[in-house]
Amino acid sequence: MAAVPAQALPVVNMEKVLLAAQIDPRRPDSALTPGAKDHVLAVEQALQAKGFLAAQYVDGHFGTTTTTAYTNLQKSFGWTGLDTNGIPGETSLKRLGEGRFTVTAIVSAGSRITHQGKTINTRTKAMLDEAETRLGRTLTITQGSYNVGGDPDSAGTHDGGGALDISVNGMDNATRTDVVRKLREVGFAAWLRTPSQGNWPYHIHAMAVSDPHQSPAAWHQSGDYYLGKNGLANRGPDDGPSVTKRTWEEVMAR
């Protein structure tokens, strides 16, 4: 008799889980990120099976309780720092899914590099390159990523990956807006920051959505961007140009 094939494991799409992990904790309710429910459920079921998440929170909503559970999973591996940011990365997802699910649509921040004298990662660099190509100009970085404690006014958003501050010196208002628009088009949550908003000069703040190396503060900004907020502590309405929101991976797939 022919052998009976083993039942295929469920598939967890990392892109969808990452997006939910950024947006859902910032929601005022338990609404679900479109297209992510089944993938988040598989992650939550695995967290429950390992004793990190109570059954009542296995609902497809990657909220604050699921985030805490995921952080505790990461800590159980002996990890520290950014590796315990509560954001599902490739290694932690695959370890969690052993025997339970397989992981597809992998999102990698890549390696750390130096660009314009600032530290960023290769995913962020690729996104910046594409934005510059669309703009037809080179942008000047004033603050990069992985800059722990480097600027207290940044409130920790540059402590991890995916974060950029960009100079607007010499740009008129229309050009500034166009730069923000192009950054958004390639997957950045980006805003023009003004002196009236904080202790900083005019500049553009950009956060690479779905960078798994984000700091928690930056990850909150990414979620707020998708919810139409300005990325500031006051969580006011978005004051930037309207675009169809896409991650870098969605941009590359088009």
C-alpha atoms as a PDB file:
ATOM      1  CA  MET A   1       0.000   0.000   0.000  1.00  0.00           C
ATOM      2  CA  ALA A   2       1.187   3.500  -0.720  1.00  0.00           C
ATOM      3  CA  ALA A   3       2.359   5.503   2.261  1.00  0.00           C
ATOM      4  CA  VAL A   4      -0.030   8.137   3.539  1.00  0.00           C
ATOM      5  CA  PRO A   5       1.626  11.563   3.209  1.00  0.00           C
ATOM      6  CA  ALA A   6       2.094  13.547   6.369  1.00  0.00           C
ATOM      7  CA  GLN A   7      -0.382  16.352   6.845  1.00  0.00           C
ATOM      8  CA  ALA A   8       1.063  19.648   5.732  1.00  0.00           C
ATOM      9  CA  LEU A   9       1.674  22.190   8.455  1.00  0.00           C
ATOM     10  CA  PRO A  10      -0.219  25.505   8.370  1.00  0.00           C
ATOM     11  CA  VAL A  11       1.601  28.397   6.739  1.00  0.00           C
ATOM     12  CA  VAL A  12       2.272  31.660   8.573  1.00  0.00           C
ATOM     13  CA  ASN A  13       2.914  34.678   6.368  1.00  0.00           C
ATOM     14  CA  MET A  14       5.527  36.781   8.172  1.00  0.00           C
ATOM     15  CA  GLU A  15       4.660  39.947   6.242  1.00  0.00           C
ATOM     16  CA  LYS A  16       1.064  39.800   7.452  1.00  0.00           C
ATOM     17  CA  VAL A  17       1.999  38.956  11.042  1.00  0.00           C
ATOM     18  CA  LEU A  18       4.509  41.818  11.170  1.00  0.00           C
ATOM     19  CA  LEU A  19       1.967  44.327   9.936  1.00  0.00           C
ATOM     20  CA  ALA A  20      -0.594  43.187  12.510  1.00  0.00           C
ATOM     21  CA  ALA A  21       2.030  43.296  15.268  1.00  0.00           C
ATOM     22  CA  GLN A  22       2.592  46.982  14.507  1.00  0.00           C
ATOM     23  CA  ILE A  23      -0.997  48.105  13.910  1.00  0.00           C
ATOM     24  CA  ASP A  24      -3.122  46.076  16.331  1.00  0.00           C
ATOM     25  CA  PRO A  25      -1.545  47.281  19.605  1.00  0.00           C
ATOM     26  CA  ARG A  26      -2.285  50.871  18.560  1.00  0.00           C
ATOM     27  CA  ARG A  27      -5.968  50.295  17.791  1.00  0.00           C
ATOM     28  CA  PRO A  28      -8.612  51.597  20.198  1.00  0.00           C
ATOM     29  CA  ASP A  29     -10.464  48.295  19.881  1.00  0.00           C
ATOM     30  CA  SER A  30      -9.839  44.658  18.963  1.00  0.00           C
ATOM     31  CA  ALA A  31     -10.318  45.060  15.211  1.00  0.00           C
ATOM     32  CA  LEU A  32      -8.218  42.802  13.008  1.00  0.00           C
ATOM     33  CA  THR A  33      -5.622  43.742  10.413  1.00  0.00           C
ATOM     34  CA  PRO A  34      -7.082  42.718   7.036  1.00  0.00           C
ATOM     35  CA  GLY A  35      -5.688  39.433   5.749  1.00  0.00           C
ATOM     36  CA  ALA A  36      -3.719  38.691   8.929  1.00  0.00           C
ATOM     37  CA  LYS A  37      -6.228  36.849  11.133  1.00  0.00           C
ATOM     38  CA  ASP A  38      -5.364  33.225  10.309  1.00  0.00           C
ATOM     39  CA  HIS A  39      -1.625  33.900  10.463  1.00  0.00           C
ATOM     40  CA  VAL A  40      -1.847  35.701  13.790  1.00  0.00           C
ATOM     41  CA  LEU A  41      -4.092  32.935  15.148  1.00  0.00           C
ATOM     42  CA  ALA A  42      -1.453  30.311  14.351  1.00  0.00           C
ATOM     43  CA  VAL A  43       1.159  32.373  16.201  1.00  0.00           C
ATOM     44  CA  GLU A  44      -1.144  32.913  19.178  1.00  0.00           C
ATOM     45  CA  GLN A  45      -2.061  29.227  19.339  1.00  0.00           C
ATOM     46  CA  ALA A  46       1.620  28.351  19.474  1.00  0.00           C
ATOM     47  CA  LEU A  47       2.212  30.948  22.189  1.00  0.00           C
ATOM     48  CA  GLN A  48      -0.687  29.484  24.161  1.00  0.00           C
ATOM     49  CA  ALA A  49       0.661  25.947  23.774  1.00  0.00           C
ATOM     50  CA  LYS A  50       3.978  27.108  25.220  1.00  0.00           C
ATOM     51  CA  GLY A  51       2.279  28.791  28.171  1.00  0.00           C
ATOM     52  CA  PHE A  52       2.910  32.400  27.156  1.00  0.00           C
ATOM     53  CA  LEU A  53      -0.658  33.421  26.236  1.00  0.00           C
ATOM     54  CA  ALA A  54      -4.031  32.743  27.850  1.00  0.00           C
ATOM     55  CA  ALA A  55      -6.709  31.153  25.638  1.00  0.00           C
ATOM     56  CA  GLN A  56      -8.978  34.200  25.817  1.00  0.00           C
ATOM     57  CA  TYR A  57      -6.429  36.217  23.838  1.00  0.00           C
ATOM     58  CA  VAL A  58      -6.132  33.718  20.985  1.00  0.00           C
ATOM     59  CA  ASP A  59      -8.344  35.766  18.686  1.00  0.00           C
ATOM     60  CA  GLY A  60      -6.318  36.861  15.633  1.00  0.00           C
ATOM     61  CA  HIS A  61      -5.748  40.344  17.096  1.00  0.00           C
ATOM     62  CA  PHE A  62      -2.040  40.957  17.775  1.00  0.00           C
ATOM     63  CA  GLY A  63      -2.732  43.329  20.666  1.00  0.00           C
ATOM     64  CA  THR A  64      -0.677  44.377  23.644  1.00  0.00           C
ATOM     65  CA  THR A  65      -1.198  41.083  25.488  1.00  0.00           C
ATOM     66  CA  THR A  66       0.036  39.085  22.501  1.00  0.00           C
ATOM     67  CA  THR A  67       2.967  41.487  22.188  1.00  0.00           C
ATOM     68  CA  THR A  68       3.916  40.871  25.829  1.00  0.00           C
ATOM     69  CA  ALA A  69       3.598  37.132  25.276  1.00  0.00           C
ATOM     70  CA  TYR A  70       5.890  37.347  22.260  1.00  0.00           C
ATOM     71  CA  THR A  71       8.422  39.390  24.217  1.00  0.00           C
ATOM     72  CA  ASN A  72       8.420  36.712  26.911  1.00  0.00           C
ATOM     73  CA  LEU A  73       8.973  34.071  24.242  1.00  0.00           C
ATOM     74  CA  GLN A  74      11.996  36.003  22.977  1.00  0.00           C
ATOM     75  CA  LYS A  75      13.338  36.354  26.516  1.00  0.00           C
ATOM     76  CA  SER A  76      12.920  32.605  27.033  1.00  0.00           C
ATOM     77  CA  PHE A  77      15.545  32.131  24.315  1.00  0.00           C
ATOM     78  CA  GLY A  78      18.002  34.068  26.463  1.00  0.00           C
ATOM     79  CA  TRP A  79      17.803  37.105  24.207  1.00  0.00           C
ATOM     80  CA  THR A  80      18.073  40.738  25.359  1.00  0.00           C
ATOM     81  CA  GLY A  81      17.742  44.266  23.982  1.00  0.00           C
ATOM     82  CA  LEU A  82      16.204  44.705  20.517  1.00  0.00           C
ATOM     83  CA  ASP A  83      15.862  40.934  20.223  1.00  0.00           C
ATOM     84  CA  THR A  84      13.075  41.160  22.824  1.00  0.00           C
ATOM     85  CA  ASN A  85      11.103  43.951  21.131  1.00  0.00           C
ATOM     86  CA  GLY A  86       7.934  41.835  20.828  1.00  0.00           C
ATOM     87  CA  ILE A  87       8.114  41.967  17.028  1.00  0.00           C
ATOM     88  CA  PRO A  88       8.068  38.570  15.298  1.00  0.00           C
ATOM     89  CA  GLY A  89      11.396  38.120  13.518  1.00  0.00           C
ATOM     90  CA  GLU A  90      12.398  35.254  11.259  1.00  0.00           C
ATOM     91  CA  THR A  91      14.383  33.290  13.846  1.00  0.00           C
ATOM     92  CA  SER A  92      11.832  33.565  16.660  1.00  0.00           C
ATOM     93  CA  LEU A  93       8.894  32.771  14.356  1.00  0.00           C
ATOM     94  CA  LYS A  94      10.587  29.666  13.018  1.00  0.00           C
ATOM     95  CA  ARG A  95      11.506  28.472  16.513  1.00  0.00           C
ATOM     96  CA  LEU A  96       7.958  29.087  17.729  1.00  0.00           C
ATOM     97  CA  GLY A  97       6.546  27.271  14.721  1.00  0.00           C
ATOM     98  CA  GLU A  98       8.626  24.085  14.973  1.00  0.00           C
ATOM     99  CA  GLY A  99       6.195  21.231  14.415  1.00  0.00           C
ATOM    100  CA  ARG A 100       3.267  23.658  14.265  1.00  0.00           C
ATOM    101  CA  PHE A 101       3.596  25.904  11.225  1.00  0.00           C
ATOM    102  CA  THR A 102       5.987  26.931   8.491  1.00  0.00           C
ATOM    103  CA  VAL A 103       6.977  30.540   7.814  1.00  0.00           C
ATOM    104  CA  THR A 104       6.719  32.177   4.406  1.00  0.00           C
ATOM    105  CA  ALA A 105       7.126  35.733   3.060  1.00  0.00           C
ATOM    106  CA  ILE A 106      10.209  36.289   5.192  1.00  0.00           C
ATOM    107  CA  VAL A 107      11.052  39.917   5.999  1.00  0.00           C
ATOM    108  CA  SER A 108      14.696  40.604   6.819  1.00  0.00           C
ATOM    109  CA  ALA A 109      16.218  43.887   7.964  1.00  0.00           C
ATOM    110  CA  GLY A 110      19.498  42.738   6.472  1.00  0.00           C
ATOM    111  CA  SER A 111      22.900  43.674   7.821  1.00  0.00           C
ATOM    112  CA  ARG A 112      24.017  46.930   9.387  1.00  0.00           C
ATOM    113  CA  ILE A 113      25.991  49.207   7.092  1.00  0.00           C
ATOM    114  CA  THR A 114      27.416  52.732   7.188  1.00  0.00           C
ATOM    115  CA  HIS A 115      25.884  55.208   4.745  1.00  0.00           C
ATOM    116  CA  GLN A 116      26.697  58.931   4.774  1.00  0.00           C
ATOM    117  CA  GLY A 117      28.512  58.265   8.034  1.00  0.00           C
ATOM    118  CA  LYS A 118      25.310  56.928   9.671  1.00  0.00           C
ATOM    119  CA  THR A 119      24.368  53.367  10.617  1.00  0.00           C
ATOM    120  CA  ILE A 120      21.357  51.894   8.825  1.00  0.00           C
ATOM    121  CA  ASN A 121      20.504  48.413   7.561  1.00  0.00           C
ATOM    122  CA  THR A 122      20.459  47.116   4.010  1.00  0.00           C
ATOM    123  CA  ARG A 123      16.642  46.987   3.782  1.00  0.00           C
ATOM    124  CA  THR A 124      16.414  50.657   4.755  1.00  0.00           C
ATOM    125  CA  LYS A 125      19.169  51.518   2.280  1.00  0.00           C
ATOM    126  CA  ALA A 126      17.308  49.784  -0.556  1.00  0.00           C
ATOM    127  CA  MET A 127      14.148  51.710   0.321  1.00  0.00           C
ATOM    128  CA  LEU A 128      16.046  54.999   0.448  1.00  0.00           C
ATOM    129  CA  ASP A 129      17.686  54.266  -2.909  1.00  0.00           C
ATOM    130  CA  GLU A 130      14.282  53.691  -4.522  1.00  0.00           C
ATOM    131  CA  ALA A 131      12.855  56.894  -3.041  1.00  0.00           C
ATOM    132  CA  GLU A 132      15.866  58.857  -4.329  1.00  0.00           C
ATOM    133  CA  THR A 133      15.439  57.340  -7.778  1.00  0.00           C
ATOM    134  CA  ARG A 134      11.795  58.425  -7.854  1.00  0.00           C
ATOM    135  CA  LEU A 135      12.739  61.905  -6.652  1.00  0.00           C
ATOM    136  CA  GLY A 136      15.736  62.311  -8.934  1.00  0.00           C
ATOM    137  CA  ARG A 137      17.806  63.643  -6.041  1.00  0.00           C
ATOM    138  CA  THR A 138      20.026  62.451  -3.193  1.00  0.00           C
ATOM    139  CA  LEU A 139      18.734  62.926   0.343  1.00  0.00           C
ATOM    140  CA  THR A 140      20.968  63.836   3.264  1.00  0.00           C
ATOM    141  CA  ILE A 141      20.622  61.755   6.422  1.00  0.00           C
ATOM    142  CA  THR A 142      21.026  63.664   9.679  1.00  0.00           C
ATOM    143  CA  GLN A 143      20.310  60.720  11.993  1.00  0.00           C
ATOM    144  CA  GLY A 144      20.340  57.029  11.214  1.00  0.00           C
ATOM    145  CA  SER A 145      19.352  53.850  13.016  1.00  0.00           C
ATOM    146  CA  TYR A 146      20.672  51.856  16.010  1.00  0.00           C
ATOM    147  CA  ASN A 147      21.491  55.177  17.689  1.00  0.00           C
ATOM    148  CA  VAL A 148      20.688  54.231  21.284  1.00  0.00           C
ATOM    149  CA  GLY A 149      20.503  57.352  23.439  1.00  0.00           C
ATOM    150  CA  GLY A 150      21.967  59.453  20.638  1.00  0.00           C
ATOM    151  CA  ASP A 151      19.187  62.024  20.620  1.00  0.00           C
ATOM    152  CA  PRO A 152      16.876  62.232  23.640  1.00  0.00           C
ATOM    153  CA  ASP A 153      14.361  64.265  21.613  1.00  0.00           C
ATOM    154  CA  SER A 154      13.803  61.220  19.375  1.00  0.00           C
ATOM    155  CA  ALA A 155      12.130  59.330  22.261  1.00  0.00           C
ATOM    156  CA  GLY A 156      13.828  56.064  21.354  1.00  0.00           C
ATOM    157  CA  THR A 157      12.594  55.855  17.769  1.00  0.00           C
ATOM    158  CA  HIS A 158      16.163  55.647  16.443  1.00  0.00           C
ATOM    159  CA  ASP A 159      17.302  53.017  18.968  1.00  0.00           C
ATOM    160  CA  GLY A 160      16.555  50.193  16.523  1.00  0.00           C
ATOM    161  CA  GLY A 161      16.440  49.639  12.782  1.00  0.00           C
ATOM    162  CA  GLY A 162      14.561  51.380  10.009  1.00  0.00           C
ATOM    163  CA  ALA A 163      14.758  54.944  11.345  1.00  0.00           C
ATOM    164  CA  LEU A 164      15.979  57.976   9.392  1.00  0.00           C
ATOM    165  CA  ASP A 165      15.968  61.732   9.873  1.00  0.00           C
ATOM    166  CA  ILE A 166      16.468  63.627   6.624  1.00  0.00           C
ATOM    167  CA  SER A 167      17.572  67.210   6.062  1.00  0.00           C
ATOM    168  CA  VAL A 168      15.201  69.599   4.286  1.00  0.00           C
ATOM    169  CA  ASN A 169      17.753  72.415   3.960  1.00  0.00           C
ATOM    170  CA  GLY A 170      17.236  74.296   0.701  1.00  0.00           C
ATOM    171  CA  MET A 171      13.854  72.694  -0.010  1.00  0.00           C
ATOM    172  CA  ASP A 172      10.684  74.715  -0.489  1.00  0.00           C
ATOM    173  CA  ASN A 173       7.418  73.451   0.970  1.00  0.00           C
ATOM    174  CA  ALA A 174       6.327  71.697  -2.236  1.00  0.00           C
ATOM    175  CA  THR A 175       9.630  69.829  -2.425  1.00  0.00           C
ATOM    176  CA  ARG A 176       9.430  68.796   1.222  1.00  0.00           C
ATOM    177  CA  THR A 177       5.951  67.409   0.634  1.00  0.00           C
ATOM    178  CA  ASP A 178       7.102  65.531  -2.451  1.00  0.00           C
ATOM    179  CA  VAL A 179       9.993  63.962  -0.527  1.00  0.00           C
ATOM    180  CA  VAL A 180       7.601  62.781   2.178  1.00  0.00           C
ATOM    181  CA  ARG A 181       5.267  61.422  -0.497  1.00  0.00           C
ATOM    182  CA  LYS A 182       7.988  59.454  -2.272  1.00  0.00           C
ATOM    183  CA  LEU A 183       9.272  58.036   1.019  1.00  0.00           C
ATOM    184  CA  ARG A 184       5.758  56.893   1.840  1.00  0.00           C
ATOM    185  CA  GLU A 185       5.320  55.365  -1.599  1.00  0.00           C
ATOM    186  CA  VAL A 186       8.257  53.000  -1.004  1.00  0.00           C
ATOM    187  CA  GLY A 187       7.152  51.873   2.464  1.00  0.00           C
ATOM    188  CA  PHE A 188       8.287  54.490   4.960  1.00  0.00           C
ATOM    189  CA  ALA A 189       6.023  56.017   7.567  1.00  0.00           C
ATOM    190  CA  ALA A 190       7.253  59.566   6.955  1.00  0.00           C
ATOM    191  CA  TRP A 191       6.357  63.027   8.183  1.00  0.00           C
ATOM    192  CA  LEU A 192       7.713  66.560   7.967  1.00  0.00           C
ATOM    193  CA  ARG A 193       8.642  67.593  11.508  1.00  0.00           C
ATOM    194  CA  THR A 194       8.540  71.280  12.448  1.00  0.00           C
ATOM    195  CA  PRO A 195       9.973  73.284  15.377  1.00  0.00           C
ATOM    196  CA  SER A 196       6.433  73.882  16.653  1.00  0.00           C
ATOM    197  CA  GLN A 197       6.069  70.147  17.290  1.00  0.00           C
ATOM    198  CA  GLY A 198       9.151  69.577  19.406  1.00  0.00           C
ATOM    199  CA  ASN A 199      12.719  70.539  20.262  1.00  0.00           C
ATOM    200  CA  TRP A 200      14.070  70.068  16.740  1.00  0.00           C
ATOM    201  CA  PRO A 201      14.608  71.954  13.470  1.00  0.00           C
ATOM    202  CA  TYR A 202      12.595  71.312  10.322  1.00  0.00           C
ATOM    203  CA  HIS A 203      13.389  67.796   9.089  1.00  0.00           C
ATOM    204  CA  ILE A 204      11.721  64.677   7.726  1.00  0.00           C
ATOM    205  CA  HIS A 205      11.344  61.701  10.031  1.00  0.00           C
ATOM    206  CA  ALA A 206      11.002  58.357   8.258  1.00  0.00           C
ATOM    207  CA  MET A 207      10.426  54.892   9.694  1.00  0.00           C
ATOM    208  CA  ALA A 208      10.703  51.790   7.510  1.00  0.00           C
ATOM    209  CA  VAL A 209       7.416  49.981   8.126  1.00  0.00           C
ATOM    210  CA  SER A 210       7.773  46.297   9.093  1.00  0.00           C
ATOM    211  CA  ASP A 211      11.481  46.506   9.897  1.00  0.00           C
ATOM    212  CA  PRO A 212      11.782  43.648  12.412  1.00  0.00           C
ATOM    213  CA  HIS A 213      14.635  45.480  14.172  1.00  0.00           C
ATOM    214  CA  GLN A 214      12.455  48.451  15.115  1.00  0.00           C
ATOM    215  CA  SER A 215      12.514  49.788  18.638  1.00  0.00           C
ATOM    216  CA  PRO A 216       9.126  49.643  20.398  1.00  0.00           C
ATOM    217  CA  ALA A 217       8.752  53.430  20.052  1.00  0.00           C
ATOM    218  CA  ALA A 218       9.353  53.226  16.303  1.00  0.00           C
ATOM    219  CA  TRP A 219       7.053  50.245  15.929  1.00  0.00           C
ATOM    220  CA  HIS A 220       4.287  52.306  17.581  1.00  0.00           C
ATOM    221  CA  GLN A 221       4.883  55.046  15.005  1.00  0.00           C
ATOM    222  CA  SER A 222       4.508  52.560  12.164  1.00  0.00           C
ATOM    223  CA  GLY A 223       1.205  51.369  13.583  1.00  0.00           C
ATOM    224  CA  ASP A 224      -0.045  54.913  14.076  1.00  0.00           C
ATOM    225  CA  TYR A 225       0.848  55.759  10.475  1.00  0.00           C
ATOM    226  CA  TYR A 226      -1.433  52.988   9.233  1.00  0.00           C
ATOM    227  CA  LEU A 227      -4.177  54.286  11.519  1.00  0.00           C
ATOM    228  CA  GLY A 228      -3.973  57.810  10.114  1.00  0.00           C
ATOM    229  CA  LYS A 229      -2.011  59.382  12.969  1.00  0.00           C
ATOM    230  CA  ASN A 230       0.917  61.796  12.962  1.00  0.00           C
ATOM    231  CA  GLY A 231       3.432  59.572  14.771  1.00  0.00           C
ATOM    232  CA  LEU A 232       3.808  62.029  17.650  1.00  0.00           C
ATOM    233  CA  ALA A 233       2.978  61.510  21.313  1.00  0.00           C
ATOM    234  CA  ASN A 234      -0.273  63.455  20.932  1.00  0.00           C
ATOM    235  CA  ARG A 235      -1.460  60.951  18.298  1.00  0.00           C
ATOM    236  CA  GLY A 236      -2.999  63.739  16.253  1.00  0.00           C
ATOM    237  CA  PRO A 237      -4.295  63.260  12.710  1.00  0.00           C
ATOM    238  CA  ASP A 238      -1.796  62.541   9.955  1.00  0.00           C
ATOM    239  CA  ASP A 239      -0.536  65.799   8.458  1.00  0.00           C
ATOM    240  CA  GLY A 240       1.315  64.272   5.505  1.00  0.00           C
ATOM    241  CA  PRO A 241       0.376  63.596   1.864  1.00  0.00           C
ATOM    242  CA  SER A 242      -2.112  60.819   1.185  1.00  0.00           C
ATOM    243  CA  VAL A 243      -0.723  57.682  -0.494  1.00  0.00           C
ATOM    244  CA  THR A 244      -1.722  54.055  -0.816  1.00  0.00           C
ATOM    245  CA  LYS A 245       0.084  52.510   2.142  1.00  0.00           C
ATOM    246  CA  ARG A 246       2.405  49.659   1.153  1.00  0.00           C
ATOM    247  CA  THR A 247       5.315  47.919   2.800  1.00  0.00           C
ATOM    248  CA  TRP A 248       8.640  47.656   0.984  1.00  0.00           C
ATOM    249  CA  GLU A 249       7.887  44.018   0.202  1.00  0.00           C
ATOM    250  CA  GLU A 250       4.565  44.986  -1.368  1.00  0.00           C
ATOM    251  CA  VAL A 251       6.309  47.678  -3.417  1.00  0.00           C
ATOM    252  CA  MET A 252       8.861  45.148  -4.727  1.00  0.00           C
ATOM    253  CA  ALA A 253       6.101  42.667  -5.581  1.00  0.00           C
ATOM    254  CA  ARG A 254       4.330  45.125  -7.886  1.00  0.00           C
END
